[in-house]
Amino acid sequence: MSQAEVLVHAASEWIDLIDAAERQGCCRRTLLKRIRNGMLPVVSKKVIGRNGRRVTKIMMKVADLEAAFFRPDPQIHIDAIEASAPPLTEGQKARITVALRAGSRRRTEGGRALT
C-alpha cells in the first residue's frame, strides 16, 4: 500500500467520541459543542459494548474531525496584511519613536526598573 493510499484510508477511518477527544487533546464536551454547532458531522452507531449489551456510540470520520479543528497558518494572513498596508510616513515613524522612548524612560525612571 502506497503512502497516498494509507492517507486516504486513514482519512476515511471512523472513530468514536472518546477516541476523537483523546486524539485532539481536548475534552469530549468540546467535541459535543462542535457537533451541536454543526461544525462536526457525526453518526450514531449501535455496537456491542463490553458487557455484551448494545450501546449507541457517536462516531465520526477522522477527516471530518481534523477539518473541524483545522487552523490556517497565521503567517499567511500576516503576509497579506503587510503586502496591502501602505508604508509608514516620516511623521508616523517619528510619533512611534517618541512613544517608544517615552515608555522606556518611564519603566527605568530614577535609575531603577519599575514593574
PDB file of N, CA and C in Angstrom:
ATOM      1  N   MET A   1       0.847  -1.181   0.000  1.00  0.00           N
ATOM      2  CA  MET A   1       0.000   0.000   0.000  1.00  0.00           C
ATOM      3  C   MET A   1       0.892   1.243   0.000  1.00  0.00           C
ATOM      4  N   SER A   2       0.625   2.167  -0.917  1.00  0.00           N
ATOM      5  CA  SER A   2       1.445   3.377  -1.014  1.00  0.00           C
ATOM      6  C   SER A   2       1.085   4.346   0.106  1.00  0.00           C
ATOM      7  N   GLN A   3       1.931   5.375   0.278  1.00  0.00           N
ATOM      8  CA  GLN A   3       1.690   6.367   1.331  1.00  0.00           C
ATOM      9  C   GLN A   3       0.390   7.123   1.066  1.00  0.00           C
ATOM     10  N   ALA A   4       0.100   7.430  -0.192  1.00  0.00           N
ATOM     11  CA  ALA A   4      -1.142   8.128  -0.535  1.00  0.00           C
ATOM     12  C   ALA A   4      -2.353   7.273  -0.186  1.00  0.00           C
ATOM     13  N   GLU A   5      -2.269   5.959  -0.435  1.00  0.00           N
ATOM     14  CA  GLU A   5      -3.372   5.062  -0.107  1.00  0.00           C
ATOM     15  C   GLU A   5      -3.566   4.970   1.401  1.00  0.00           C
ATOM     16  N   VAL A   6      -2.471   4.985   2.145  1.00  0.00           N
ATOM     17  CA  VAL A   6      -2.556   4.950   3.604  1.00  0.00           C
ATOM     18  C   VAL A   6      -3.247   6.207   4.110  1.00  0.00           C
ATOM     19  N   LEU A   7      -2.904   7.378   3.553  1.00  0.00           N
ATOM     20  CA  LEU A   7      -3.529   8.634   3.969  1.00  0.00           C
ATOM     21  C   LEU A   7      -5.013   8.638   3.654  1.00  0.00           C
ATOM     22  N   VAL A   8      -5.399   8.147   2.480  1.00  0.00           N
ATOM     23  CA  VAL A   8      -6.813   8.085   2.106  1.00  0.00           C
ATOM     24  C   VAL A   8      -7.545   7.143   3.048  1.00  0.00           C
ATOM     25  N   HIS A   9      -6.937   5.986   3.353  1.00  0.00           N
ATOM     26  CA  HIS A   9      -7.566   5.023   4.255  1.00  0.00           C
ATOM     27  C   HIS A   9      -7.738   5.629   5.647  1.00  0.00           C
ATOM     28  N   ALA A  10      -6.712   6.317   6.155  1.00  0.00           N
ATOM     29  CA  ALA A  10      -6.780   6.924   7.486  1.00  0.00           C
ATOM     30  C   ALA A  10      -7.837   8.019   7.534  1.00  0.00           C
ATOM     31  N   ALA A  11      -7.988   8.767   6.439  1.00  0.00           N
ATOM     32  CA  ALA A  11      -8.961   9.855   6.400  1.00  0.00           C
ATOM     33  C   ALA A  11     -10.390   9.323   6.399  1.00  0.00           C
ATOM     34  N   SER A  12     -10.622   8.108   5.881  1.00  0.00           N
ATOM     35  CA  SER A  12     -11.972   7.560   5.839  1.00  0.00           C
ATOM     36  C   SER A  12     -12.258   6.695   7.067  1.00  0.00           C
ATOM     37  N   GLU A  13     -11.313   6.619   7.989  1.00  0.00           N
ATOM     38  CA  GLU A  13     -11.467   5.828   9.206  1.00  0.00           C
ATOM     39  C   GLU A  13     -12.493   6.476  10.137  1.00  0.00           C
ATOM     40  N   TRP A  14     -13.279   5.650  10.810  1.00  0.00           N
ATOM     41  CA  TRP A  14     -14.275   6.118  11.764  1.00  0.00           C
ATOM     42  C   TRP A  14     -13.744   5.922  13.181  1.00  0.00           C
ATOM     43  N   ILE A  15     -13.952   6.905  14.053  1.00  0.00           N
ATOM     44  CA  ILE A  15     -13.577   6.770  15.459  1.00  0.00           C
ATOM     45  C   ILE A  15     -14.731   7.274  16.322  1.00  0.00           C
ATOM     46  N   ASP A  16     -14.741   6.842  17.576  1.00  0.00           N
ATOM     47  CA  ASP A  16     -15.815   7.276  18.467  1.00  0.00           C
ATOM     48  C   ASP A  16     -15.429   8.567  19.188  1.00  0.00           C
ATOM     49  N   LEU A  17     -16.363   9.081  19.939  1.00  0.00           N
ATOM     50  CA  LEU A  17     -16.199  10.384  20.598  1.00  0.00           C
ATOM     51  C   LEU A  17     -15.019  10.392  21.568  1.00  0.00           C
ATOM     52  N   ILE A  18     -14.881   9.346  22.359  1.00  0.00           N
ATOM     53  CA  ILE A  18     -13.805   9.289  23.352  1.00  0.00           C
ATOM     54  C   ILE A  18     -12.440   9.270  22.662  1.00  0.00           C
ATOM     55  N   ASP A  19     -12.296   8.429  21.631  1.00  0.00           N
ATOM     56  CA  ASP A  19     -11.025   8.362  20.902  1.00  0.00           C
ATOM     57  C   ASP A  19     -10.724   9.676  20.188  1.00  0.00           C
ATOM     58  N   ALA A  20     -11.767  10.325  19.673  1.00  0.00           N
ATOM     59  CA  ALA A  20     -11.579  11.597  18.974  1.00  0.00           C
ATOM     60  C   ALA A  20     -11.087  12.676  19.944  1.00  0.00           C
ATOM     61  N   ALA A  21     -11.657  12.702  21.143  1.00  0.00           N
ATOM     62  CA  ALA A  21     -11.230  13.689  22.141  1.00  0.00           C
ATOM     63  C   ALA A  21      -9.777  13.451  22.532  1.00  0.00           C
ATOM     64  N   GLU A  22      -9.416  12.195  22.702  1.00  0.00           N
ATOM     65  CA  GLU A  22      -8.034  11.864  23.050  1.00  0.00           C
ATOM     66  C   GLU A  22      -7.084  12.244  21.910  1.00  0.00           C
ATOM     67  N   ARG A  23      -7.499  11.970  20.696  1.00  0.00           N
ATOM     68  CA  ARG A  23      -6.665  12.279  19.525  1.00  0.00           C
ATOM     69  C   ARG A  23      -6.409  13.782  19.402  1.00  0.00           C
ATOM     70  N   GLN A  24      -7.439  14.594  19.675  1.00  0.00           N
ATOM     71  CA  GLN A  24      -7.312  16.050  19.545  1.00  0.00           C
ATOM     72  C   GLN A  24      -6.766  16.699  20.810  1.00  0.00           C
ATOM     73  N   GLY A  25      -6.670  15.945  21.887  1.00  0.00           N
ATOM     74  CA  GLY A  25      -6.175  16.515  23.135  1.00  0.00           C
ATOM     75  C   GLY A  25      -7.158  17.482  23.758  1.00  0.00           C
ATOM     76  N   CYS A  26      -8.441  17.167  23.631  1.00  0.00           N
ATOM     77  CA  CYS A  26      -9.463  18.046  24.194  1.00  0.00           C
ATOM     78  C   CYS A  26     -10.468  17.208  24.971  1.00  0.00           C
ATOM     79  N   CYS A  27     -11.390  17.870  25.587  1.00  0.00           N
ATOM     80  CA  CYS A  27     -12.442  17.230  26.370  1.00  0.00           C
ATOM     81  C   CYS A  27     -13.570  16.797  25.428  1.00  0.00           C
ATOM     82  N   ARG A  28     -14.293  15.750  25.799  1.00  0.00           N
ATOM     83  CA  ARG A  28     -15.395  15.305  24.944  1.00  0.00           C
ATOM     84  C   ARG A  28     -16.484  16.371  24.850  1.00  0.00           C
ATOM     85  N   ARG A  29     -16.606  17.215  25.900  1.00  0.00           N
ATOM     86  CA  ARG A  29     -17.594  18.308  25.845  1.00  0.00           C
ATOM     87  C   ARG A  29     -17.275  19.290  24.715  1.00  0.00           C
ATOM     88  N   THR A  30     -15.988  19.506  24.453  1.00  0.00           N
ATOM     89  CA  THR A  30     -15.590  20.378  23.346  1.00  0.00           C
ATOM     90  C   THR A  30     -16.103  19.817  22.025  1.00  0.00           C
ATOM     91  N   LEU A  31     -15.950  18.509  21.853  1.00  0.00           N
ATOM     92  CA  LEU A  31     -16.442  17.875  20.628  1.00  0.00           C
ATOM     93  C   LEU A  31     -17.964  17.947  20.552  1.00  0.00           C
ATOM     94  N   LEU A  32     -18.631  17.725  21.675  1.00  0.00           N
ATOM     95  CA  LEU A  32     -20.094  17.793  21.676  1.00  0.00           C
ATOM     96  C   LEU A  32     -20.589  19.186  21.296  1.00  0.00           C
ATOM     97  N   LYS A  33     -19.876  20.232  21.731  1.00  0.00           N
ATOM     98  CA  LYS A  33     -20.247  21.606  21.345  1.00  0.00           C
ATOM     99  C   LYS A  33     -20.115  21.787  19.840  1.00  0.00           C
ATOM    100  N   ARG A  34     -19.016  21.274  19.272  1.00  0.00           N
ATOM    101  CA  ARG A  34     -18.820  21.406  17.829  1.00  0.00           C
ATOM    102  C   ARG A  34     -19.848  20.603  17.055  1.00  0.00           C
ATOM    103  N   ILE A  35     -20.255  19.475  17.593  1.00  0.00           N
ATOM    104  CA  ILE A  35     -21.315  18.680  16.962  1.00  0.00           C
ATOM    105  C   ILE A  35     -22.620  19.457  17.011  1.00  0.00           C
ATOM    106  N   ARG A  36     -22.944  19.993  18.181  1.00  0.00           N
ATOM    107  CA  ARG A  36     -24.181  20.752  18.359  1.00  0.00           C
ATOM    108  C   ARG A  36     -24.221  21.985  17.455  1.00  0.00           C
ATOM    109  N   ASN A  37     -23.070  22.632  17.235  1.00  0.00           N
ATOM    110  CA  ASN A  37     -22.994  23.829  16.386  1.00  0.00           C
ATOM    111  C   ASN A  37     -22.944  23.489  14.900  1.00  0.00           C
ATOM    112  N   GLY A  38     -22.916  22.202  14.565  1.00  0.00           N
ATOM    113  CA  GLY A  38     -22.911  21.796  13.164  1.00  0.00           C
ATOM    114  C   GLY A  38     -21.529  21.830  12.521  1.00  0.00           C
ATOM    115  N   MET A  39     -20.485  21.977  13.323  1.00  0.00           N
ATOM    116  CA  MET A  39     -19.130  22.041  12.776  1.00  0.00           C
ATOM    117  C   MET A  39     -18.533  20.659  12.550  1.00  0.00           C
ATOM    118  N   LEU A  40     -19.114  19.639  13.177  1.00  0.00           N
ATOM    119  CA  LEU A  40     -18.556  18.296  13.128  1.00  0.00           C
ATOM    120  C   LEU A  40     -19.675  17.293  12.835  1.00  0.00           C
ATOM    121  N   PRO A  41     -19.716  16.750  11.626  1.00  0.00           N
ATOM    122  CA  PRO A  41     -20.767  15.769  11.303  1.00  0.00           C
ATOM    123  C   PRO A  41     -20.473  14.422  11.952  1.00  0.00           C
ATOM    124  N   VAL A  42     -21.511  13.802  12.496  1.00  0.00           N
ATOM    125  CA  VAL A  42     -21.373  12.513  13.173  1.00  0.00           C
ATOM    126  C   VAL A  42     -22.547  11.608  12.817  1.00  0.00           C
ATOM    127  N   VAL A  43     -22.395  10.349  13.152  1.00  0.00           N
ATOM    128  CA  VAL A  43     -23.497   9.387  13.051  1.00  0.00           C
ATOM    129  C   VAL A  43     -23.539   8.604  14.358  1.00  0.00           C
ATOM    130  N   SER A  44     -24.707   8.125  14.696  1.00  0.00           N
ATOM    131  CA  SER A  44     -24.861   7.262  15.864  1.00  0.00           C
ATOM    132  C   SER A  44     -24.886   5.826  15.366  1.00  0.00           C
ATOM    133  N   LYS A  45     -24.051   4.987  15.941  1.00  0.00           N
ATOM    134  CA  LYS A  45     -23.987   3.577  15.559  1.00  0.00           C
ATOM    135  C   LYS A  45     -24.217   2.719  16.784  1.00  0.00           C
ATOM    136  N   LYS A  46     -25.020   1.673  16.596  1.00  0.00           N
ATOM    137  CA  LYS A  46     -25.237   0.715  17.668  1.00  0.00           C
ATOM    138  C   LYS A  46     -24.171  -0.363  17.559  1.00  0.00           C
ATOM    139  N   VAL A  47     -23.448  -0.566  18.660  1.00  0.00           N
ATOM    140  CA  VAL A  47     -22.383  -1.565  18.702  1.00  0.00           C
ATOM    141  C   VAL A  47     -22.561  -2.413  19.960  1.00  0.00           C
ATOM    142  N   ILE A  48     -21.851  -3.518  20.011  1.00  0.00           N
ATOM    143  CA  ILE A  48     -21.878  -4.371  21.187  1.00  0.00           C
ATOM    144  C   ILE A  48     -20.873  -3.824  22.189  1.00  0.00           C
ATOM    145  N   GLY A  49     -21.318  -3.526  23.407  1.00  0.00           N
ATOM    146  CA  GLY A  49     -20.464  -2.967  24.445  1.00  0.00           C
ATOM    147  C   GLY A  49     -19.632  -4.020  25.141  1.00  0.00           C
ATOM    148  N   ARG A  50     -18.904  -3.602  26.178  1.00  0.00           N
ATOM    149  CA  ARG A  50     -18.018  -4.505  26.924  1.00  0.00           C
ATOM    150  C   ARG A  50     -18.762  -5.660  27.580  1.00  0.00           C
ATOM    151  N   ASN A  51     -19.943  -5.388  28.080  1.00  0.00           N
ATOM    152  CA  ASN A  51     -20.687  -6.427  28.784  1.00  0.00           C
ATOM    153  C   ASN A  51     -21.654  -7.184  27.873  1.00  0.00           C
ATOM    154  N   GLY A  52     -21.536  -7.001  26.575  1.00  0.00           N
ATOM    155  CA  GLY A  52     -22.379  -7.714  25.622  1.00  0.00           C
ATOM    156  C   GLY A  52     -23.681  -7.014  25.287  1.00  0.00           C
ATOM    157  N   ARG A  53     -23.980  -5.918  25.964  1.00  0.00           N
ATOM    158  CA  ARG A  53     -25.215  -5.180  25.665  1.00  0.00           C
ATOM    159  C   ARG A  53     -24.974  -4.220  24.511  1.00  0.00           C
ATOM    160  N   ARG A  54     -26.052  -3.900  23.815  1.00  0.00           N
ATOM    161  CA  ARG A  54     -25.948  -2.953  22.702  1.00  0.00           C
ATOM    162  C   ARG A  54     -25.794  -1.538  23.247  1.00  0.00           C
ATOM    163  N   VAL A  55     -24.868  -0.797  22.669  1.00  0.00           N
ATOM    164  CA  VAL A  55     -24.569   0.564  23.096  1.00  0.00           C
ATOM    165  C   VAL A  55     -24.607   1.459  21.863  1.00  0.00           C
ATOM    166  N   THR A  56     -25.109   2.675  22.017  1.00  0.00           N
ATOM    167  CA  THR A  56     -25.085   3.648  20.927  1.00  0.00           C
ATOM    168  C   THR A  56     -23.858   4.522  21.089  1.00  0.00           C
ATOM    169  N   LYS A  57     -23.021   4.568  20.055  1.00  0.00           N
ATOM    170  CA  LYS A  57     -21.799   5.383  20.092  1.00  0.00           C
ATOM    171  C   LYS A  57     -21.897   6.491  19.054  1.00  0.00           C
ATOM    172  N   ILE A  58     -21.335   7.625  19.389  1.00  0.00           N
ATOM    173  CA  ILE A  58     -21.229   8.735  18.446  1.00  0.00           C
ATOM    174  C   ILE A  58     -19.948   8.515  17.668  1.00  0.00           C
ATOM    175  N   MET A  59     -20.070   8.364  16.362  1.00  0.00           N
ATOM    176  CA  MET A  59     -18.924   8.072  15.504  1.00  0.00           C
ATOM    177  C   MET A  59     -18.726   9.207  14.505  1.00  0.00           C
ATOM    178  N   MET A  60     -17.459   9.430  14.151  1.00  0.00           N
ATOM    179  CA  MET A  60     -17.127  10.471  13.174  1.00  0.00           C
ATOM    180  C   MET A  60     -15.935  10.021  12.349  1.00  0.00           C
ATOM    181  N   LYS A  61     -15.830  10.608  11.167  1.00  0.00           N
ATOM    182  CA  LYS A  61     -14.678  10.325  10.312  1.00  0.00           C
ATOM    183  C   LYS A  61     -13.489  11.144  10.796  1.00  0.00           C
ATOM    184  N   VAL A  62     -12.313  10.553  10.699  1.00  0.00           N
ATOM    185  CA  VAL A  62     -11.086  11.246  11.105  1.00  0.00           C
ATOM    186  C   VAL A  62     -10.905  12.521  10.280  1.00  0.00           C
ATOM    187  N   ALA A  63     -11.218  12.443   8.991  1.00  0.00           N
ATOM    188  CA  ALA A  63     -11.071  13.618   8.120  1.00  0.00           C
ATOM    189  C   ALA A  63     -11.975  14.760   8.582  1.00  0.00           C
ATOM    190  N   ASP A  64     -13.211  14.432   8.996  1.00  0.00           N
ATOM    191  CA  ASP A  64     -14.130  15.467   9.489  1.00  0.00           C
ATOM    192  C   ASP A  64     -13.626  16.063  10.798  1.00  0.00           C
ATOM    193  N   LEU A  65     -13.074  15.210  11.649  1.00  0.00           N
ATOM    194  CA  LEU A  65     -12.523  15.672  12.918  1.00  0.00           C
ATOM    195  C   LEU A  65     -11.379  16.653  12.680  1.00  0.00           C
ATOM    196  N   GLU A  66     -10.474  16.294  11.797  1.00  0.00           N
ATOM    197  CA  GLU A  66      -9.332  17.168  11.501  1.00  0.00           C
ATOM    198  C   GLU A  66      -9.787  18.470  10.857  1.00  0.00           C
ATOM    199  N   ALA A  67     -10.807  18.406  10.010  1.00  0.00           N
ATOM    200  CA  ALA A  67     -11.320  19.625   9.372  1.00  0.00           C
ATOM    201  C   ALA A  67     -11.966  20.555  10.404  1.00  0.00           C
ATOM    202  N   ALA A  68     -12.616  19.983  11.416  1.00  0.00           N
ATOM    203  CA  ALA A  68     -13.272  20.798  12.447  1.00  0.00           C
ATOM    204  C   ALA A  68     -12.261  21.519  13.317  1.00  0.00           C
ATOM    205  N   PHE A  69     -11.038  20.994  13.411  1.00  0.00           N
ATOM    206  CA  PHE A  69     -10.007  21.606  14.243  1.00  0.00           C
ATOM    207  C   PHE A  69      -8.913  22.274  13.415  1.00  0.00           C
ATOM    208  N   PHE A  70      -9.106  22.376  12.113  1.00  0.00           N
ATOM    209  CA  PHE A  70      -8.082  22.968  11.243  1.00  0.00           C
ATOM    210  C   PHE A  70      -7.924  24.446  11.539  1.00  0.00           C
ATOM    211  N   ARG A  71      -6.687  24.869  11.702  1.00  0.00           N
ATOM    212  CA  ARG A  71      -6.375  26.286  11.888  1.00  0.00           C
ATOM    213  C   ARG A  71      -5.344  26.668  10.840  1.00  0.00           C
ATOM    214  N   PRO A  72      -5.677  27.611   9.973  1.00  0.00           N
ATOM    215  CA  PRO A  72      -4.705  28.002   8.955  1.00  0.00           C
ATOM    216  C   PRO A  72      -3.499  28.689   9.586  1.00  0.00           C
ATOM    217  N   ASP A  73      -2.400  28.643   8.896  1.00  0.00           N
ATOM    218  CA  ASP A  73      -1.169  29.272   9.363  1.00  0.00           C
ATOM    219  C   ASP A  73      -1.379  30.783   9.425  1.00  0.00           C
ATOM    220  N   PRO A  74      -1.210  31.406  10.593  1.00  0.00           N
ATOM    221  CA  PRO A  74      -1.436  32.844  10.701  1.00  0.00           C
ATOM    222  C   PRO A  74      -0.467  33.669   9.860  1.00  0.00           C
ATOM    223  N   GLN A  75       0.684  33.100   9.520  1.00  0.00           N
ATOM    224  CA  GLN A  75       1.663  33.841   8.727  1.00  0.00           C
ATOM    225  C   GLN A  75       1.092  34.219   7.359  1.00  0.00           C
ATOM    226  N   ILE A  76       0.195  33.415   6.818  1.00  0.00           N
ATOM    227  CA  ILE A  76      -0.444  33.723   5.530  1.00  0.00           C
ATOM    228  C   ILE A  76      -1.200  35.043   5.643  1.00  0.00           C
ATOM    229  N   HIS A  77      -1.946  35.211   6.728  1.00  0.00           N
ATOM    230  CA  HIS A  77      -2.730  36.441   6.916  1.00  0.00           C
ATOM    231  C   HIS A  77      -1.812  37.629   7.216  1.00  0.00           C
ATOM    232  N   ILE A  78      -0.777  37.393   7.990  1.00  0.00           N
ATOM    233  CA  ILE A  78       0.181  38.460   8.302  1.00  0.00           C
ATOM    234  C   ILE A  78       0.837  38.970   7.024  1.00  0.00           C
ATOM    235  N   ASP A  79       1.264  38.049   6.164  1.00  0.00           N
ATOM    236  CA  ASP A  79       1.897  38.441   4.898  1.00  0.00           C
ATOM    237  C   ASP A  79       0.938  39.237   4.022  1.00  0.00           C
ATOM    238  N   ALA A  80      -0.341  38.831   3.991  1.00  0.00           N
ATOM    239  CA  ALA A  80      -1.325  39.551   3.174  1.00  0.00           C
ATOM    240  C   ALA A  80      -1.546  40.966   3.698  1.00  0.00           C
ATOM    241  N   ILE A  81      -1.591  41.126   5.010  1.00  0.00           N
ATOM    242  CA  ILE A  81      -1.775  42.457   5.601  1.00  0.00           C
ATOM    243  C   ILE A  81      -0.559  43.334   5.314  1.00  0.00           C
ATOM    244  N   GLU A  82       0.640  42.759   5.485  1.00  0.00           N
ATOM    245  CA  GLU A  82       1.861  43.524   5.211  1.00  0.00           C
ATOM    246  C   GLU A  82       1.935  43.952   3.748  1.00  0.00           C
ATOM    247  N   ALA A  83       1.521  43.074   2.848  1.00  0.00           N
ATOM    248  CA  ALA A  83       1.588  43.387   1.420  1.00  0.00           C
ATOM    249  C   ALA A  83       0.614  44.499   1.042  1.00  0.00           C
ATOM    250  N   SER A  84      -0.546  44.547   1.719  1.00  0.00           N
ATOM    251  CA  SER A  84      -1.549  45.548   1.346  1.00  0.00           C
ATOM    252  C   SER A  84      -1.416  46.856   2.137  1.00  0.00           C
ATOM    253  N   ALA A  85      -0.626  46.864   3.199  1.00  0.00           N
ATOM    254  CA  ALA A  85      -0.501  48.060   4.033  1.00  0.00           C
ATOM    255  C   ALA A  85       0.430  49.079   3.376  1.00  0.00           C
ATOM    256  N   PRO A  86       0.036  50.342   3.390  1.00  0.00           N
ATOM    257  CA  PRO A  86       0.924  51.365   2.846  1.00  0.00           C
ATOM    258  C   PRO A  86       2.106  51.573   3.790  1.00  0.00           C
ATOM    259  N   PRO A  87       3.250  52.015   3.279  1.00  0.00           N
ATOM    260  CA  PRO A  87       4.402  52.254   4.152  1.00  0.00           C
ATOM    261  C   PRO A  87       4.126  53.424   5.103  1.00  0.00           C
ATOM    262  N   LEU A  88       4.787  53.413   6.258  1.00  0.00           N
ATOM    263  CA  LEU A  88       4.621  54.491   7.227  1.00  0.00           C
ATOM    264  C   LEU A  88       5.238  55.779   6.698  1.00  0.00           C
ATOM    265  N   THR A  89       4.573  56.884   7.007  1.00  0.00           N
ATOM    266  CA  THR A  89       5.129  58.183   6.636  1.00  0.00           C
ATOM    267  C   THR A  89       6.200  58.551   7.656  1.00  0.00           C
ATOM    268  N   GLU A  90       7.000  59.567   7.330  1.00  0.00           N
ATOM    269  CA  GLU A  90       8.041  60.010   8.260  1.00  0.00           C
ATOM    270  C   GLU A  90       7.424  60.534   9.552  1.00  0.00           C
ATOM    271  N   GLY A  91       6.280  61.204   9.457  1.00  0.00           N
ATOM    272  CA  GLY A  91       5.593  61.714  10.649  1.00  0.00           C
ATOM    273  C   GLY A  91       5.133  60.575  11.553  1.00  0.00           C
ATOM    274  N   GLN A  92       4.601  59.503  10.960  1.00  0.00           N
ATOM    275  CA  GLN A  92       4.174  58.345  11.750  1.00  0.00           C
ATOM    276  C   GLN A  92       5.368  57.678  12.436  1.00  0.00           C
ATOM    277  N   LYS A  93       6.459  57.556  11.703  1.00  0.00           N
ATOM    278  CA  LYS A  93       7.666  56.955  12.278  1.00  0.00           C
ATOM    279  C   LYS A  93       8.162  57.778  13.464  1.00  0.00           C
ATOM    280  N   ALA A  94       8.133  59.108  13.330  1.00  0.00           N
ATOM    281  CA  ALA A  94       8.600  59.989  14.402  1.00  0.00           C
ATOM    282  C   ALA A  94       7.714  59.853  15.638  1.00  0.00           C
ATOM    283  N   ARG A  95       6.388  59.794  15.455  1.00  0.00           N
ATOM    284  CA  ARG A  95       5.473  59.648  16.595  1.00  0.00           C
ATOM    285  C   ARG A  95       5.670  58.310  17.302  1.00  0.00           C
ATOM    286  N   ILE A  96       5.891  57.256  16.545  1.00  0.00           N
ATOM    287  CA  ILE A  96       6.131  55.935  17.138  1.00  0.00           C
ATOM    288  C   ILE A  96       7.422  55.954  17.945  1.00  0.00           C
ATOM    289  N   THR A  97       8.459  56.576  17.387  1.00  0.00           N
ATOM    290  CA  THR A  97       9.743  56.664  18.089  1.00  0.00           C
ATOM    291  C   THR A  97       9.596  57.407  19.404  1.00  0.00           C
ATOM    292  N   VAL A  98       8.888  58.529  19.394  1.00  0.00           N
ATOM    293  CA  VAL A  98       8.680  59.311  20.616  1.00  0.00           C
ATOM    294  C   VAL A  98       7.915  58.483  21.648  1.00  0.00           C
ATOM    295  N   ALA A  99       6.873  57.787  21.223  1.00  0.00           N
ATOM    296  CA  ALA A  99       6.066  56.986  22.147  1.00  0.00           C
ATOM    297  C   ALA A  99       6.884  55.850  22.756  1.00  0.00           C
ATOM    298  N   LEU A 100       7.704  55.200  21.965  1.00  0.00           N
ATOM    299  CA  LEU A 100       8.517  54.097  22.476  1.00  0.00           C
ATOM    300  C   LEU A 100       9.592  54.597  23.434  1.00  0.00           C
ATOM    301  N   ARG A 101      10.201  55.728  23.107  1.00  0.00           N
ATOM    302  CA  ARG A 101      11.230  56.281  24.003  1.00  0.00           C
ATOM    303  C   ARG A 101      10.620  56.734  25.318  1.00  0.00           C
ATOM    304  N   ALA A 102       9.438  57.348  25.275  1.00  0.00           N
ATOM    305  CA  ALA A 102       8.769  57.806  26.499  1.00  0.00           C
ATOM    306  C   ALA A 102       8.412  56.604  27.373  1.00  0.00           C
ATOM    307  N   GLY A 103       7.984  55.523  26.777  1.00  0.00           N
ATOM    308  CA  GLY A 103       7.636  54.317  27.533  1.00  0.00           C
ATOM    309  C   GLY A 103       8.844  53.692  28.185  1.00  0.00           C
ATOM    310  N   SER A 104       9.988  53.674  27.494  1.00  0.00           N
ATOM    311  CA  SER A 104      11.180  53.062  28.079  1.00  0.00           C
ATOM    312  C   SER A 104      11.742  53.932  29.198  1.00  0.00           C
ATOM    313  N   ARG A 105      11.618  55.254  29.106  1.00  0.00           N
ATOM    314  CA  ARG A 105      12.085  56.147  30.178  1.00  0.00           C
ATOM    315  C   ARG A 105      11.213  55.954  31.417  1.00  0.00           C
ATOM    316  N   ARG A 106       9.925  55.754  31.221  1.00  0.00           N
ATOM    317  CA  ARG A 106       9.012  55.587  32.337  1.00  0.00           C
ATOM    318  C   ARG A 106       9.320  54.298  33.113  1.00  0.00           C
ATOM    319  N   ARG A 107       9.707  53.243  32.418  1.00  0.00           N
ATOM    320  CA  ARG A 107       9.996  51.966  33.070  1.00  0.00           C
ATOM    321  C   ARG A 107      11.295  52.004  33.861  1.00  0.00           C
ATOM    322  N   THR A 108      12.242  52.868  33.479  1.00  0.00           N
ATOM    323  CA  THR A 108      13.539  52.901  34.150  1.00  0.00           C
ATOM    324  C   THR A 108      13.750  54.235  34.866  1.00  0.00           C
ATOM    325  N   GLU A 109      12.686  54.874  35.283  1.00  0.00           N
ATOM    326  CA  GLU A 109      12.753  56.172  35.928  1.00  0.00           C
ATOM    327  C   GLU A 109      13.525  56.077  37.251  1.00  0.00           C
ATOM    328  N   GLY A 110      14.415  57.025  37.509  1.00  0.00           N
ATOM    329  CA  GLY A 110      15.152  57.066  38.757  1.00  0.00           C
ATOM    330  C   GLY A 110      16.283  56.041  38.816  1.00  0.00           C
ATOM    331  N   GLY A 111      16.715  55.528  37.692  1.00  0.00           N
ATOM    332  CA  GLY A 111      17.834  54.596  37.671  1.00  0.00           C
ATOM    333  C   GLY A 111      17.486  53.175  38.070  1.00  0.00           C
ATOM    334  N   ARG A 112      16.203  52.899  38.368  1.00  0.00           N
ATOM    335  CA  ARG A 112      15.832  51.526  38.697  1.00  0.00           C
ATOM    336  C   ARG A 112      14.609  51.127  37.852  1.00  0.00           C
ATOM    337  N   ALA A 113      14.513  49.859  37.585  1.00  0.00           N
ATOM    338  CA  ALA A 113      13.421  49.371  36.742  1.00  0.00           C
ATOM    339  C   ALA A 113      12.109  49.378  37.538  1.00  0.00           C
ATOM    340  N   LEU A 114      11.063  49.859  36.904  1.00  0.00           N
ATOM    341  CA  LEU A 114       9.729  49.852  37.518  1.00  0.00           C
ATOM    342  C   LEU A 114       8.960  48.649  36.979  1.00  0.00           C
ATOM    343  N   THR A 115       8.066  48.128  37.771  1.00  0.00           N
ATOM    344  CA  THR A 115       7.262  46.989  37.307  1.00  0.00           C
ATOM    345  C   THR A 115       5.848  47.400  37.061  1.00  0.00           C
TER     346      THR A 115
END
